[in-house]
């Protein structure tokens, strides 16, 4: 499989006219023209649309660093559905394309966990979890869904969200950001991500 992410000096997040996500009503939402990998303060930051694409950076980072990372999952949703297909023994570059095609935005963490691609998942979706957030003891990847600033994340105070994201971002080995078409308006998502990158 060819490299999925294009290295950029700075985030561009050009929006595509191609549908990236279909909701349960059959409405299609457009995502990003390209998945981007940028480096800021010696940290790899992966930007993509549908959240299951995070499997690719999880694999790339773990292979590069030769270790399994915990996941700090900041999202308006748990993404804790059960993967619906036969689970491979492990995820590698030979089967990652199959994994990306078979996972949904809600079940990729189940697949990643059961194949031991990732360590413990630290879910931060509820107000109390933001208030009680403590950095994991193990090395971790920040797995951020920008839809935490959308309609489904409105119950959490925006300043508290930013405070926790900033704290996790600073200590993370790498950062994965999903723009989540269908769950937040993409122009708003782009603006929010650019603000976080400044």
N, C-alpha and C. Protein backbone atom coordinates (compact mmCIF):
# COMPACT_ATOMS: atom_id res chain seq x y z
N UNK A 1 0.84 -1.20 0.00
CA UNK A 1 0.00 0.00 0.00
C UNK A 1 0.88 1.25 0.00
N UNK A 2 0.53 2.20 -0.84
CA UNK A 2 1.31 3.44 -0.88
C UNK A 2 1.08 4.26 0.38
N UNK A 3 1.99 5.18 0.62
CA UNK A 3 1.86 6.06 1.78
C UNK A 3 0.53 6.78 1.74
N UNK A 4 -0.16 6.77 2.85
CA UNK A 4 -1.51 7.34 2.90
C UNK A 4 -1.48 8.84 3.20
N UNK A 5 -0.41 9.28 3.87
CA UNK A 5 -0.33 10.67 4.30
C UNK A 5 0.72 11.43 3.51
N UNK A 6 0.40 12.66 3.16
CA UNK A 6 1.33 13.51 2.43
C UNK A 6 2.00 14.46 3.43
N UNK A 7 3.32 14.46 3.42
CA UNK A 7 4.05 15.35 4.33
C UNK A 7 3.89 16.79 3.87
N UNK A 8 3.57 17.67 4.82
CA UNK A 8 3.39 19.09 4.53
C UNK A 8 4.18 19.90 5.54
N UNK A 9 4.60 21.08 5.12
CA UNK A 9 5.30 21.98 6.06
C UNK A 9 4.31 22.61 7.03
N UNK A 10 3.10 22.84 6.55
CA UNK A 10 2.04 23.33 7.43
C UNK A 10 0.71 22.76 6.97
N UNK A 11 -0.24 22.74 7.88
CA UNK A 11 -1.54 22.15 7.57
C UNK A 11 -2.29 22.98 6.53
N UNK A 12 -2.83 22.31 5.55
CA UNK A 12 -3.62 22.98 4.51
C UNK A 12 -5.09 22.56 4.58
N UNK A 13 -5.34 21.27 4.79
CA UNK A 13 -6.70 20.74 4.93
C UNK A 13 -7.64 21.20 3.83
N UNK A 14 -7.23 20.97 2.60
CA UNK A 14 -8.09 21.31 1.48
C UNK A 14 -9.28 20.35 1.45
N UNK A 15 -10.46 20.91 1.33
CA UNK A 15 -11.68 20.09 1.35
C UNK A 15 -11.94 19.49 -0.02
N UNK A 16 -12.43 18.27 -0.01
CA UNK A 16 -12.70 17.53 -1.23
C UNK A 16 -14.18 17.64 -1.60
N UNK A 17 -14.49 17.34 -2.86
CA UNK A 17 -15.89 17.25 -3.29
C UNK A 17 -16.34 15.80 -3.32
N UNK A 18 -15.45 14.90 -2.88
CA UNK A 18 -15.74 13.48 -2.84
C UNK A 18 -16.32 13.11 -1.48
N UNK A 19 -17.38 12.31 -1.49
CA UNK A 19 -18.01 11.90 -0.24
C UNK A 19 -17.08 10.98 0.54
N UNK A 20 -16.88 11.32 1.81
CA UNK A 20 -16.02 10.51 2.67
C UNK A 20 -16.84 9.71 3.68
N UNK A 21 -18.05 10.20 3.99
CA UNK A 21 -18.85 9.55 5.04
C UNK A 21 -20.32 9.63 4.69
N UNK A 22 -21.00 8.49 4.78
CA UNK A 22 -22.46 8.40 4.58
C UNK A 22 -23.11 8.17 5.94
N UNK A 23 -24.11 8.98 6.30
CA UNK A 23 -24.80 8.75 7.57
C UNK A 23 -25.89 7.70 7.40
N UNK A 24 -26.59 7.40 8.49
CA UNK A 24 -27.61 6.35 8.47
C UNK A 24 -28.80 6.70 7.58
N UNK A 25 -28.96 7.97 7.26
CA UNK A 25 -30.06 8.42 6.39
C UNK A 25 -29.67 8.42 4.92
N UNK A 26 -28.40 8.05 4.64
CA UNK A 26 -27.93 8.02 3.26
C UNK A 26 -27.43 9.36 2.76
N UNK A 27 -27.22 10.30 3.68
CA UNK A 27 -26.68 11.61 3.31
C UNK A 27 -25.16 11.53 3.31
N UNK A 28 -24.55 12.00 2.22
CA UNK A 28 -23.10 11.96 2.09
C UNK A 28 -22.44 13.26 2.50
N UNK A 29 -21.27 13.15 3.12
CA UNK A 29 -20.52 14.32 3.57
C UNK A 29 -19.09 14.24 3.01
N UNK A 30 -18.63 15.34 2.47
CA UNK A 30 -17.30 15.39 1.86
C UNK A 30 -16.22 15.58 2.93
N UNK A 31 -15.05 15.01 2.68
CA UNK A 31 -13.95 15.09 3.63
C UNK A 31 -12.78 15.88 3.08
N UNK A 32 -11.57 15.39 3.32
CA UNK A 32 -10.36 16.09 2.91
C UNK A 32 -9.85 15.58 1.56
N UNK A 33 -9.24 16.48 0.81
CA UNK A 33 -8.64 16.09 -0.48
C UNK A 33 -7.41 15.21 -0.26
N UNK A 34 -6.68 15.46 0.84
CA UNK A 34 -5.48 14.68 1.16
C UNK A 34 -5.38 14.51 2.67
N UNK A 35 -4.78 13.40 3.08
CA UNK A 35 -4.43 13.23 4.49
C UNK A 35 -3.04 13.82 4.68
N UNK A 36 -2.86 14.57 5.75
CA UNK A 36 -1.62 15.33 5.92
C UNK A 36 -0.83 14.88 7.15
N UNK A 37 0.48 14.94 7.01
CA UNK A 37 1.39 14.70 8.12
C UNK A 37 2.29 15.92 8.23
N UNK A 38 2.19 16.60 9.35
CA UNK A 38 3.04 17.76 9.56
C UNK A 38 3.88 17.54 10.82
N UNK A 39 4.98 18.28 10.93
CA UNK A 39 5.84 18.22 12.11
C UNK A 39 5.83 19.58 12.77
N UNK A 40 5.50 19.58 14.03
CA UNK A 40 5.49 20.84 14.78
C UNK A 40 6.06 20.57 16.16
N UNK A 41 7.08 21.33 16.55
CA UNK A 41 7.78 21.13 17.83
C UNK A 41 8.24 19.67 17.96
N UNK A 42 8.83 19.15 16.87
CA UNK A 42 9.36 17.78 16.83
C UNK A 42 8.31 16.72 17.11
N UNK A 43 7.07 17.04 16.81
CA UNK A 43 5.97 16.09 17.02
C UNK A 43 5.25 15.83 15.71
N UNK A 44 4.96 14.56 15.44
CA UNK A 44 4.20 14.21 14.24
C UNK A 44 2.72 14.43 14.49
N UNK A 45 2.09 15.14 13.55
CA UNK A 45 0.67 15.42 13.65
C UNK A 45 0.00 14.93 12.37
N UNK A 46 -0.86 13.96 12.53
CA UNK A 46 -1.59 13.37 11.39
C UNK A 46 -3.00 13.97 11.34
N UNK A 47 -3.40 14.42 10.16
CA UNK A 47 -4.73 15.02 9.98
C UNK A 47 -5.46 14.26 8.88
N UNK A 48 -6.67 13.80 9.19
CA UNK A 48 -7.45 13.00 8.25
C UNK A 48 -8.93 13.23 8.52
N UNK A 49 -9.81 12.62 7.72
CA UNK A 49 -11.24 12.88 7.92
C UNK A 49 -11.90 11.81 8.80
N UNK A 50 -12.21 10.64 8.26
CA UNK A 50 -12.89 9.61 9.06
C UNK A 50 -11.96 9.03 10.12
N UNK A 51 -12.50 8.84 11.32
CA UNK A 51 -11.62 8.53 12.45
C UNK A 51 -10.96 7.15 12.37
N UNK A 52 -11.55 6.21 11.63
CA UNK A 52 -10.91 4.90 11.52
C UNK A 52 -9.57 4.95 10.77
N UNK A 53 -9.33 6.03 10.05
CA UNK A 53 -8.04 6.20 9.36
C UNK A 53 -6.90 6.27 10.38
N UNK A 54 -7.22 6.53 11.64
CA UNK A 54 -6.19 6.58 12.70
C UNK A 54 -5.41 5.27 12.79
N UNK A 55 -5.98 4.17 12.30
CA UNK A 55 -5.25 2.90 12.33
C UNK A 55 -3.90 3.02 11.63
N UNK A 56 -3.86 3.77 10.54
CA UNK A 56 -2.61 3.89 9.78
C UNK A 56 -1.52 4.59 10.59
N UNK A 57 -1.79 5.79 11.15
CA UNK A 57 -0.75 6.38 11.99
C UNK A 57 -0.43 5.56 13.23
N UNK A 58 -1.42 4.89 13.83
CA UNK A 58 -1.12 4.01 14.97
C UNK A 58 -0.05 2.99 14.56
N UNK A 59 -0.24 2.38 13.39
CA UNK A 59 0.70 1.38 12.90
C UNK A 59 2.05 2.00 12.58
N UNK A 60 2.04 3.11 11.87
CA UNK A 60 3.29 3.76 11.46
C UNK A 60 4.11 4.19 12.67
N UNK A 61 3.45 4.77 13.65
CA UNK A 61 4.14 5.24 14.85
C UNK A 61 4.71 4.08 15.66
N UNK A 62 3.90 3.03 15.86
CA UNK A 62 4.36 1.89 16.65
C UNK A 62 5.51 1.16 15.97
N UNK A 63 5.47 1.08 14.64
CA UNK A 63 6.56 0.43 13.89
C UNK A 63 7.84 1.27 13.99
N UNK A 64 7.67 2.57 13.83
CA UNK A 64 8.83 3.47 13.85
C UNK A 64 9.50 3.51 15.23
N UNK A 65 8.68 3.55 16.28
CA UNK A 65 9.21 3.65 17.64
C UNK A 65 9.45 2.28 18.28
N UNK A 66 8.95 1.22 17.61
CA UNK A 66 9.08 -0.14 18.11
C UNK A 66 8.50 -0.30 19.51
N UNK A 67 7.30 0.25 19.70
CA UNK A 67 6.61 0.09 20.98
C UNK A 67 5.11 0.26 20.78
N UNK A 68 4.38 -0.21 21.75
CA UNK A 68 2.92 -0.05 21.74
C UNK A 68 2.56 1.13 22.62
N UNK A 69 1.72 2.01 22.09
CA UNK A 69 1.33 3.22 22.81
C UNK A 69 -0.09 3.12 23.34
N UNK A 70 -0.31 3.69 24.52
CA UNK A 70 -1.68 3.92 24.98
C UNK A 70 -2.33 4.97 24.09
N UNK A 71 -3.63 5.08 24.17
CA UNK A 71 -4.37 6.05 23.38
C UNK A 71 -5.18 6.96 24.30
N UNK A 72 -4.96 8.26 24.20
CA UNK A 72 -5.85 9.23 24.86
C UNK A 72 -6.84 9.66 23.80
N UNK A 73 -8.07 9.20 23.96
CA UNK A 73 -9.11 9.36 22.96
C UNK A 73 -10.07 10.47 23.38
N UNK A 74 -9.88 11.65 22.78
CA UNK A 74 -10.75 12.81 23.07
C UNK A 74 -11.72 12.95 21.91
N UNK A 75 -13.01 12.80 22.21
CA UNK A 75 -14.00 12.64 21.14
C UNK A 75 -15.38 12.90 21.73
N UNK A 76 -16.32 13.30 20.89
CA UNK A 76 -17.71 13.42 21.33
C UNK A 76 -18.35 12.04 21.47
N UNK A 77 -17.70 11.01 20.92
CA UNK A 77 -18.23 9.64 20.94
C UNK A 77 -17.18 8.67 21.44
N UNK A 78 -17.62 7.55 22.00
CA UNK A 78 -16.71 6.55 22.53
C UNK A 78 -15.99 5.77 21.44
N UNK A 79 -16.58 5.66 20.26
CA UNK A 79 -16.03 4.83 19.18
C UNK A 79 -15.76 3.40 19.69
N UNK A 80 -16.72 2.86 20.43
CA UNK A 80 -16.50 1.57 21.09
C UNK A 80 -17.36 0.44 20.55
N UNK A 81 -17.81 0.55 19.31
CA UNK A 81 -18.56 -0.54 18.68
C UNK A 81 -17.62 -1.73 18.46
N UNK A 82 -18.21 -2.90 18.30
CA UNK A 82 -17.44 -4.13 18.08
C UNK A 82 -17.18 -4.31 16.59
N UNK A 83 -15.92 -4.60 16.25
CA UNK A 83 -15.53 -4.85 14.86
C UNK A 83 -16.30 -6.06 14.33
N UNK A 84 -16.85 -5.95 13.11
CA UNK A 84 -17.81 -6.93 12.62
C UNK A 84 -17.23 -8.08 11.79
N UNK A 85 -15.94 -8.08 11.56
CA UNK A 85 -15.33 -9.10 10.70
C UNK A 85 -14.33 -9.94 11.50
N UNK A 86 -13.81 -10.97 10.86
CA UNK A 86 -12.79 -11.80 11.50
C UNK A 86 -11.56 -10.96 11.80
N UNK A 87 -11.09 -11.05 13.01
CA UNK A 87 -9.98 -10.21 13.44
C UNK A 87 -8.64 -10.87 13.08
N UNK A 88 -7.79 -10.17 12.35
CA UNK A 88 -6.47 -10.74 12.01
C UNK A 88 -5.61 -10.88 13.27
N UNK A 89 -4.56 -11.68 13.19
CA UNK A 89 -3.68 -11.85 14.35
C UNK A 89 -3.02 -10.54 14.73
N UNK A 90 -2.65 -9.78 13.70
CA UNK A 90 -2.09 -8.46 13.96
C UNK A 90 -2.33 -7.56 12.75
N UNK A 91 -2.19 -6.27 12.95
CA UNK A 91 -2.30 -5.31 11.86
C UNK A 91 -0.89 -4.97 11.40
N UNK A 92 -0.67 -5.06 10.08
CA UNK A 92 0.63 -4.72 9.52
C UNK A 92 0.41 -3.99 8.19
N UNK A 93 1.51 -3.63 7.54
CA UNK A 93 1.38 -2.87 6.28
C UNK A 93 0.84 -3.73 5.14
N UNK A 94 0.84 -5.05 5.33
CA UNK A 94 0.28 -5.94 4.30
C UNK A 94 -1.25 -5.95 4.35
N UNK A 95 -1.82 -5.81 5.55
CA UNK A 95 -3.28 -5.89 5.66
C UNK A 95 -3.96 -4.59 6.10
N UNK A 96 -3.19 -3.51 6.23
CA UNK A 96 -3.77 -2.25 6.72
C UNK A 96 -4.86 -1.72 5.78
N UNK A 97 -4.69 -1.92 4.48
CA UNK A 97 -5.70 -1.44 3.53
C UNK A 97 -7.03 -2.15 3.76
N UNK A 98 -6.97 -3.47 3.98
CA UNK A 98 -8.18 -4.25 4.30
C UNK A 98 -8.80 -3.74 5.59
N UNK A 99 -7.98 -3.50 6.60
CA UNK A 99 -8.48 -3.01 7.89
C UNK A 99 -9.19 -1.67 7.75
N UNK A 100 -8.62 -0.78 6.96
CA UNK A 100 -9.23 0.54 6.76
C UNK A 100 -10.56 0.42 6.03
N UNK A 101 -10.65 -0.52 5.09
CA UNK A 101 -11.90 -0.70 4.34
C UNK A 101 -12.99 -1.33 5.19
N UNK A 102 -12.61 -2.21 6.10
CA UNK A 102 -13.60 -2.96 6.89
C UNK A 102 -14.03 -2.25 8.17
N UNK A 103 -13.19 -1.36 8.68
CA UNK A 103 -13.56 -0.65 9.92
C UNK A 103 -14.52 0.49 9.63
N UNK A 104 -15.26 0.84 10.67
CA UNK A 104 -16.14 2.00 10.63
C UNK A 104 -15.56 3.05 11.59
N UNK A 105 -16.16 4.24 11.57
CA UNK A 105 -15.68 5.29 12.47
C UNK A 105 -15.94 4.95 13.93
N UNK A 106 -16.72 3.90 14.16
CA UNK A 106 -17.10 3.54 15.53
C UNK A 106 -16.42 2.27 16.06
N UNK A 107 -15.75 1.48 15.21
CA UNK A 107 -15.24 0.19 15.68
C UNK A 107 -13.73 -0.03 15.48
N UNK A 108 -13.03 0.98 14.99
CA UNK A 108 -11.60 0.81 14.72
C UNK A 108 -10.78 0.60 15.99
N UNK A 109 -11.21 1.20 17.10
CA UNK A 109 -10.47 1.02 18.35
C UNK A 109 -10.58 -0.41 18.86
N UNK A 110 -11.72 -1.03 18.63
CA UNK A 110 -11.89 -2.43 19.01
C UNK A 110 -10.90 -3.31 18.25
N UNK A 111 -10.79 -3.09 16.95
CA UNK A 111 -9.84 -3.85 16.13
C UNK A 111 -8.41 -3.58 16.57
N UNK A 112 -8.07 -2.32 16.78
CA UNK A 112 -6.70 -1.95 17.19
C UNK A 112 -6.34 -2.56 18.54
N UNK A 113 -7.31 -2.59 19.44
CA UNK A 113 -7.08 -3.14 20.78
C UNK A 113 -6.92 -4.66 20.74
N UNK A 114 -7.81 -5.34 20.00
CA UNK A 114 -7.78 -6.81 19.96
C UNK A 114 -6.58 -7.36 19.20
N UNK A 115 -5.99 -6.57 18.33
CA UNK A 115 -4.78 -6.99 17.62
C UNK A 115 -3.51 -6.51 18.32
N UNK A 116 -3.70 -5.87 19.47
CA UNK A 116 -2.58 -5.36 20.28
C UNK A 116 -1.73 -4.33 19.52
N UNK A 117 -2.40 -3.61 18.61
CA UNK A 117 -1.71 -2.50 17.93
C UNK A 117 -1.52 -1.35 18.91
N UNK A 118 -2.46 -1.23 19.85
CA UNK A 118 -2.43 -0.15 20.84
C UNK A 118 -2.54 -0.75 22.25
N UNK A 119 -2.19 0.08 23.23
CA UNK A 119 -2.33 -0.33 24.62
C UNK A 119 -3.68 0.10 25.17
N UNK A 120 -3.67 0.61 26.38
CA UNK A 120 -4.91 1.00 27.05
C UNK A 120 -5.53 2.24 26.38
N UNK A 121 -6.83 2.24 26.30
CA UNK A 121 -7.56 3.40 25.75
C UNK A 121 -8.09 4.24 26.90
N UNK A 122 -7.72 5.51 26.92
CA UNK A 122 -8.18 6.44 27.94
C UNK A 122 -9.24 7.34 27.29
N UNK A 123 -10.51 7.03 27.52
CA UNK A 123 -11.61 7.78 26.90
C UNK A 123 -11.89 9.08 27.62
N UNK A 124 -11.93 10.17 26.86
CA UNK A 124 -12.28 11.48 27.40
C UNK A 124 -13.42 12.02 26.54
N UNK A 125 -14.64 11.73 26.95
CA UNK A 125 -15.81 12.18 26.19
C UNK A 125 -16.83 12.92 27.06
N UNK A 126 -16.88 12.58 28.32
CA UNK A 126 -17.87 13.17 29.24
C UNK A 126 -17.24 14.32 30.03
N UNK A 127 -18.10 15.21 30.52
CA UNK A 127 -17.61 16.37 31.28
C UNK A 127 -16.74 15.94 32.46
N UNK A 128 -17.19 14.92 33.19
CA UNK A 128 -16.43 14.50 34.38
C UNK A 128 -15.05 13.94 34.01
N UNK A 129 -14.96 13.33 32.82
CA UNK A 129 -13.67 12.80 32.37
C UNK A 129 -12.70 13.93 32.02
N UNK A 130 -13.24 15.00 31.46
CA UNK A 130 -12.39 16.17 31.21
C UNK A 130 -11.93 16.78 32.53
N UNK A 131 -12.84 16.90 33.48
CA UNK A 131 -12.51 17.50 34.78
C UNK A 131 -11.49 16.67 35.55
N UNK A 132 -11.60 15.34 35.43
CA UNK A 132 -10.73 14.44 36.19
C UNK A 132 -9.49 13.98 35.42
N UNK A 133 -9.24 14.55 34.26
CA UNK A 133 -8.17 14.04 33.39
C UNK A 133 -6.81 14.09 34.05
N UNK A 134 -6.13 12.94 33.98
CA UNK A 134 -4.74 12.83 34.42
C UNK A 134 -3.95 12.21 33.28
N UNK A 135 -2.74 12.66 33.07
CA UNK A 135 -1.91 12.08 32.01
C UNK A 135 -1.62 10.62 32.32
N UNK A 136 -1.68 9.75 31.30
CA UNK A 136 -1.34 8.34 31.52
C UNK A 136 0.12 8.18 31.94
N UNK A 137 0.40 7.11 32.65
CA UNK A 137 1.79 6.83 33.06
C UNK A 137 2.60 6.31 31.88
N UNK A 138 1.94 5.61 30.96
CA UNK A 138 2.61 5.06 29.79
C UNK A 138 2.67 6.08 28.65
N UNK A 139 3.59 5.88 27.72
CA UNK A 139 3.64 6.71 26.53
C UNK A 139 2.34 6.58 25.76
N UNK A 140 1.88 7.68 25.18
CA UNK A 140 0.57 7.65 24.53
C UNK A 140 0.53 8.50 23.26
N UNK A 141 -0.46 8.20 22.45
CA UNK A 141 -0.81 8.99 21.27
C UNK A 141 -2.11 9.72 21.58
N UNK A 142 -2.15 11.00 21.28
CA UNK A 142 -3.41 11.74 21.40
C UNK A 142 -4.24 11.48 20.14
N UNK A 143 -5.41 10.92 20.35
CA UNK A 143 -6.33 10.56 19.27
C UNK A 143 -7.55 11.49 19.38
N UNK A 144 -7.47 12.63 18.71
CA UNK A 144 -8.46 13.69 18.86
C UNK A 144 -9.46 13.71 17.71
N UNK A 145 -10.73 13.71 18.07
CA UNK A 145 -11.79 13.93 17.08
C UNK A 145 -12.29 15.35 17.30
N UNK A 146 -12.14 16.17 16.27
CA UNK A 146 -12.50 17.59 16.42
C UNK A 146 -14.01 17.77 16.60
N UNK A 147 -14.79 16.69 16.42
CA UNK A 147 -16.24 16.80 16.65
C UNK A 147 -16.58 16.99 18.12
N UNK A 148 -15.57 16.94 18.99
CA UNK A 148 -15.81 17.29 20.39
C UNK A 148 -16.28 18.74 20.50
N UNK A 149 -15.98 19.54 19.46
CA UNK A 149 -16.45 20.93 19.41
C UNK A 149 -17.73 21.07 18.59
N UNK A 150 -18.31 19.94 18.17
CA UNK A 150 -19.56 19.96 17.41
C UNK A 150 -20.77 19.81 18.32
N UNK A 151 -21.90 19.55 17.71
CA UNK A 151 -23.18 19.47 18.42
C UNK A 151 -23.17 18.40 19.51
N UNK A 152 -22.58 17.23 19.20
CA UNK A 152 -22.59 16.13 20.17
C UNK A 152 -21.65 16.36 21.35
N UNK A 153 -20.78 17.37 21.24
CA UNK A 153 -19.86 17.66 22.34
C UNK A 153 -20.21 18.92 23.11
N UNK A 154 -21.40 19.46 22.87
CA UNK A 154 -21.79 20.74 23.46
C UNK A 154 -21.92 20.72 24.98
N UNK A 155 -22.09 19.53 25.56
CA UNK A 155 -22.28 19.45 27.02
C UNK A 155 -20.99 19.76 27.78
N UNK A 156 -19.86 19.73 27.09
CA UNK A 156 -18.57 19.99 27.74
C UNK A 156 -18.14 21.42 27.44
N UNK A 157 -17.72 22.12 28.47
CA UNK A 157 -17.27 23.51 28.34
C UNK A 157 -16.08 23.61 27.39
N UNK A 158 -16.14 24.56 26.43
CA UNK A 158 -15.08 24.69 25.42
C UNK A 158 -13.71 24.99 26.02
N UNK A 159 -13.67 25.83 27.05
CA UNK A 159 -12.38 26.16 27.67
C UNK A 159 -11.77 24.93 28.34
N UNK A 160 -12.62 24.11 28.95
CA UNK A 160 -12.15 22.88 29.59
C UNK A 160 -11.63 21.92 28.53
N UNK A 161 -12.33 21.81 27.40
CA UNK A 161 -11.86 20.97 26.30
C UNK A 161 -10.46 21.40 25.86
N UNK A 162 -10.31 22.69 25.60
CA UNK A 162 -9.02 23.19 25.11
C UNK A 162 -7.90 22.97 26.14
N UNK A 163 -8.21 23.14 27.40
CA UNK A 163 -7.22 22.94 28.46
C UNK A 163 -6.72 21.49 28.47
N UNK A 164 -7.64 20.54 28.39
CA UNK A 164 -7.27 19.13 28.42
C UNK A 164 -6.54 18.72 27.15
N UNK A 165 -7.03 19.20 26.00
CA UNK A 165 -6.37 18.90 24.73
C UNK A 165 -4.93 19.42 24.75
N UNK A 166 -4.75 20.63 25.21
CA UNK A 166 -3.41 21.23 25.27
C UNK A 166 -2.48 20.42 26.18
N UNK A 167 -3.01 19.99 27.31
CA UNK A 167 -2.23 19.21 28.28
C UNK A 167 -1.80 17.87 27.68
N UNK A 168 -2.74 17.18 27.03
CA UNK A 168 -2.44 15.88 26.41
C UNK A 168 -1.51 16.06 25.21
N UNK A 169 -1.78 17.08 24.42
CA UNK A 169 -0.99 17.36 23.21
C UNK A 169 0.49 17.53 23.55
N UNK A 170 0.74 18.30 24.60
CA UNK A 170 2.12 18.62 24.99
C UNK A 170 2.92 17.36 25.32
N UNK A 171 2.30 16.36 25.93
CA UNK A 171 3.01 15.17 26.39
C UNK A 171 2.89 13.98 25.45
N UNK A 172 2.05 14.08 24.43
CA UNK A 172 1.82 12.95 23.52
C UNK A 172 3.04 12.66 22.66
N UNK A 173 3.24 11.39 22.32
CA UNK A 173 4.31 11.00 21.40
C UNK A 173 3.99 11.47 19.99
N UNK A 174 2.70 11.51 19.66
CA UNK A 174 2.22 11.98 18.36
C UNK A 174 0.76 12.35 18.52
N UNK A 175 0.24 13.05 17.52
CA UNK A 175 -1.16 13.50 17.57
C UNK A 175 -1.88 13.08 16.30
N UNK A 176 -3.06 12.49 16.46
CA UNK A 176 -3.94 12.15 15.34
C UNK A 176 -5.20 12.99 15.46
N UNK A 177 -5.59 13.63 14.37
CA UNK A 177 -6.78 14.50 14.40
C UNK A 177 -7.73 14.11 13.28
N UNK A 178 -8.96 13.78 13.65
CA UNK A 178 -10.01 13.48 12.68
C UNK A 178 -10.93 14.69 12.52
N UNK A 179 -11.23 15.04 11.26
CA UNK A 179 -12.14 16.17 11.01
C UNK A 179 -13.60 15.74 11.05
N UNK A 180 -13.87 14.45 10.97
CA UNK A 180 -15.20 13.86 11.13
C UNK A 180 -16.33 14.51 10.33
N UNK A 181 -16.28 14.40 8.99
CA UNK A 181 -17.41 14.88 8.19
C UNK A 181 -18.68 14.14 8.59
N UNK A 182 -19.77 14.89 8.67
CA UNK A 182 -21.04 14.31 9.09
C UNK A 182 -21.33 14.57 10.55
N UNK A 183 -20.29 14.90 11.33
CA UNK A 183 -20.47 15.15 12.76
C UNK A 183 -20.14 16.59 13.15
N UNK A 184 -19.43 17.28 12.26
CA UNK A 184 -19.13 18.70 12.47
C UNK A 184 -18.90 19.31 11.09
N UNK A 185 -19.33 20.52 10.90
CA UNK A 185 -19.17 21.20 9.61
C UNK A 185 -17.67 21.35 9.33
N UNK A 186 -17.25 21.00 8.12
CA UNK A 186 -15.83 20.86 7.84
C UNK A 186 -15.05 22.17 7.80
N UNK A 187 -15.68 23.26 7.42
CA UNK A 187 -14.99 24.55 7.47
C UNK A 187 -14.73 24.95 8.92
N UNK A 188 -15.68 24.64 9.78
CA UNK A 188 -15.49 24.90 11.21
C UNK A 188 -14.39 24.00 11.76
N UNK A 189 -14.38 22.73 11.35
CA UNK A 189 -13.35 21.78 11.80
C UNK A 189 -11.97 22.28 11.42
N UNK A 190 -11.84 22.74 10.18
CA UNK A 190 -10.55 23.25 9.70
C UNK A 190 -10.08 24.45 10.54
N UNK A 191 -10.98 25.36 10.80
CA UNK A 191 -10.64 26.56 11.59
C UNK A 191 -10.20 26.16 13.01
N UNK A 192 -10.92 25.22 13.62
CA UNK A 192 -10.58 24.77 14.98
C UNK A 192 -9.20 24.11 15.03
N UNK A 193 -8.91 23.27 14.03
CA UNK A 193 -7.62 22.58 13.99
C UNK A 193 -6.48 23.57 13.78
N UNK A 194 -6.66 24.52 12.88
CA UNK A 194 -5.62 25.53 12.65
C UNK A 194 -5.36 26.34 13.90
N UNK A 195 -6.41 26.62 14.67
CA UNK A 195 -6.23 27.34 15.94
C UNK A 195 -5.44 26.51 16.94
N UNK A 196 -5.70 25.22 16.97
CA UNK A 196 -4.97 24.33 17.89
C UNK A 196 -3.50 24.21 17.51
N UNK A 197 -3.23 24.31 16.20
CA UNK A 197 -1.86 24.20 15.72
C UNK A 197 -1.02 25.45 15.96
N UNK A 198 -1.66 26.56 16.22
CA UNK A 198 -0.92 27.83 16.46
C UNK A 198 -0.32 27.88 17.85
